[in-house]
Amino acid sequence: MSTLRRYLDILKLAQKPSWEEFSKYSRLVVIGMALLGVIAFIVKIIMTLATLPLLG
């Protein structure tokens, strides 16, 4: 069986999510992105403060 045929079979099984399921996953994605942004911001502040004494 070809790979393309297997992909098409999987797509046939897929169904549209309900509004409740869609909104739940959307909230989880937004929370995850926000959490990742906060972590990146904290790392940026720490790295800036760590290199500040070297600059001046």
N, C-alpha and C. Protein backbone atom coordinates (compact mmCIF):
# COMPACT_ATOMS: atom_id res chain seq x y z
N MET A 1 0.85 -1.18 0.00
CA MET A 1 0.00 0.00 0.00
C MET A 1 0.89 1.24 0.00
N SER A 2 0.61 2.17 -0.85
CA SER A 2 1.47 3.35 -0.96
C SER A 2 1.24 4.30 0.21
N THR A 3 2.21 5.12 0.43
CA THR A 3 2.13 6.09 1.51
C THR A 3 0.99 7.07 1.28
N LEU A 4 0.82 7.51 0.05
CA LEU A 4 -0.26 8.45 -0.26
C LEU A 4 -1.62 7.84 0.05
N ARG A 5 -1.78 6.57 -0.25
CA ARG A 5 -3.05 5.89 0.01
C ARG A 5 -3.33 5.84 1.52
N ARG A 6 -2.29 5.60 2.32
CA ARG A 6 -2.48 5.56 3.77
C ARG A 6 -2.86 6.94 4.29
N TYR A 7 -2.24 7.99 3.76
CA TYR A 7 -2.59 9.35 4.16
C TYR A 7 -4.04 9.66 3.83
N LEU A 8 -4.49 9.25 2.66
CA LEU A 8 -5.88 9.49 2.27
C LEU A 8 -6.85 8.72 3.17
N ASP A 9 -6.49 7.51 3.55
CA ASP A 9 -7.34 6.73 4.46
C ASP A 9 -7.47 7.42 5.83
N ILE A 10 -6.37 7.96 6.31
CA ILE A 10 -6.40 8.68 7.59
C ILE A 10 -7.26 9.93 7.49
N LEU A 11 -7.15 10.64 6.38
CA LEU A 11 -7.97 11.84 6.19
C LEU A 11 -9.45 11.51 6.13
N LYS A 12 -9.79 10.36 5.60
CA LYS A 12 -11.19 9.96 5.55
C LYS A 12 -11.75 9.70 6.94
N LEU A 13 -10.90 9.25 7.86
CA LEU A 13 -11.33 8.99 9.23
C LEU A 13 -11.45 10.26 10.07
N ALA A 14 -10.77 11.31 9.65
CA ALA A 14 -10.77 12.56 10.42
C ALA A 14 -12.16 13.19 10.40
N GLN A 15 -12.50 13.85 11.51
CA GLN A 15 -13.77 14.54 11.58
C GLN A 15 -13.59 15.91 12.20
N LYS A 16 -14.50 16.80 11.91
CA LYS A 16 -14.44 18.17 12.41
C LYS A 16 -14.70 18.16 13.92
N PRO A 17 -13.88 18.85 14.71
CA PRO A 17 -14.09 18.86 16.16
C PRO A 17 -15.32 19.70 16.52
N SER A 18 -15.92 19.38 17.66
CA SER A 18 -17.03 20.19 18.15
C SER A 18 -16.48 21.54 18.62
N TRP A 19 -17.40 22.49 18.80
CA TRP A 19 -16.97 23.83 19.22
C TRP A 19 -16.31 23.75 20.60
N GLU A 20 -16.84 22.91 21.47
CA GLU A 20 -16.28 22.77 22.82
C GLU A 20 -14.85 22.23 22.76
N GLU A 21 -14.64 21.22 21.95
CA GLU A 21 -13.31 20.64 21.81
C GLU A 21 -12.34 21.64 21.18
N PHE A 22 -12.79 22.34 20.16
CA PHE A 22 -11.95 23.34 19.49
C PHE A 22 -11.55 24.45 20.46
N SER A 23 -12.51 24.96 21.23
CA SER A 23 -12.19 26.06 22.15
C SER A 23 -11.26 25.59 23.27
N LYS A 24 -11.43 24.34 23.72
CA LYS A 24 -10.56 23.81 24.77
C LYS A 24 -9.11 23.74 24.27
N TYR A 25 -8.92 23.18 23.09
CA TYR A 25 -7.56 23.08 22.54
C TYR A 25 -6.99 24.44 22.20
N SER A 26 -7.82 25.37 21.75
CA SER A 26 -7.34 26.71 21.45
C SER A 26 -6.84 27.40 22.71
N ARG A 27 -7.59 27.26 23.81
CA ARG A 27 -7.15 27.85 25.07
C ARG A 27 -5.83 27.23 25.52
N LEU A 28 -5.69 25.92 25.38
CA LEU A 28 -4.45 25.27 25.78
C LEU A 28 -3.26 25.77 24.96
N VAL A 29 -3.48 25.97 23.66
CA VAL A 29 -2.41 26.46 22.80
C VAL A 29 -2.01 27.88 23.19
N VAL A 30 -3.00 28.74 23.46
CA VAL A 30 -2.70 30.12 23.85
C VAL A 30 -1.97 30.16 25.18
N ILE A 31 -2.40 29.33 26.14
CA ILE A 31 -1.73 29.28 27.44
C ILE A 31 -0.28 28.79 27.26
N GLY A 32 -0.08 27.78 26.43
CA GLY A 32 1.27 27.28 26.18
C GLY A 32 2.17 28.32 25.53
N MET A 33 1.63 29.06 24.56
CA MET A 33 2.42 30.10 23.90
C MET A 33 2.76 31.23 24.88
N ALA A 34 1.80 31.59 25.71
CA ALA A 34 2.05 32.65 26.70
C ALA A 34 3.11 32.21 27.70
N LEU A 35 3.02 30.96 28.14
CA LEU A 35 4.00 30.43 29.08
C LEU A 35 5.40 30.41 28.47
N LEU A 36 5.47 30.00 27.22
CA LEU A 36 6.76 30.00 26.53
C LEU A 36 7.31 31.41 26.39
N GLY A 37 6.45 32.37 26.10
CA GLY A 37 6.88 33.76 26.00
C GLY A 37 7.39 34.31 27.32
N VAL A 38 6.71 33.98 28.42
CA VAL A 38 7.15 34.43 29.74
C VAL A 38 8.50 33.82 30.08
N ILE A 39 8.68 32.54 29.80
CA ILE A 39 9.97 31.89 30.07
C ILE A 39 11.07 32.53 29.25
N ALA A 40 10.80 32.81 27.98
CA ALA A 40 11.81 33.45 27.12
C ALA A 40 12.15 34.84 27.63
N PHE A 41 11.14 35.57 28.10
CA PHE A 41 11.37 36.92 28.63
C PHE A 41 12.22 36.86 29.88
N ILE A 42 11.96 35.92 30.75
CA ILE A 42 12.74 35.77 31.98
C ILE A 42 14.19 35.41 31.65
N VAL A 43 14.38 34.51 30.70
CA VAL A 43 15.75 34.14 30.29
C VAL A 43 16.46 35.36 29.70
N LYS A 44 15.75 36.15 28.91
CA LYS A 44 16.35 37.36 28.32
C LYS A 44 16.78 38.34 29.41
N ILE A 45 15.94 38.53 30.42
CA ILE A 45 16.31 39.44 31.52
C ILE A 45 17.52 38.91 32.27
N ILE A 46 17.53 37.61 32.57
CA ILE A 46 18.67 37.02 33.28
C ILE A 46 19.95 37.17 32.48
N MET A 47 19.89 36.91 31.18
CA MET A 47 21.08 37.03 30.35
C MET A 47 21.54 38.48 30.25
N THR A 48 20.60 39.42 30.19
CA THR A 48 20.97 40.83 30.14
C THR A 48 21.64 41.25 31.45
N LEU A 49 21.08 40.83 32.57
CA LEU A 49 21.68 41.19 33.86
C LEU A 49 23.02 40.49 34.06
N ALA A 50 23.19 39.31 33.51
CA ALA A 50 24.46 38.58 33.68
C ALA A 50 25.56 39.22 32.87
N THR A 51 25.24 39.81 31.72
CA THR A 51 26.28 40.41 30.87
C THR A 51 26.43 41.91 31.13
N LEU A 52 25.56 42.50 31.94
CA LEU A 52 25.63 43.94 32.21
C LEU A 52 26.96 44.36 32.86
N PRO A 53 27.47 43.63 33.85
CA PRO A 53 28.76 44.04 34.45
C PRO A 53 29.93 43.97 33.46
N LEU A 54 29.82 43.13 32.44
CA LEU A 54 30.91 43.02 31.48
C LEU A 54 30.95 44.21 30.54
N LEU A 55 29.84 44.89 30.36
CA LEU A 55 29.77 46.00 29.42
C LEU A 55 30.27 47.30 30.01
N GLY A 56 30.21 47.46 31.29
CA GLY A 56 30.57 48.75 31.83
C GLY A 56 31.31 48.63 33.07
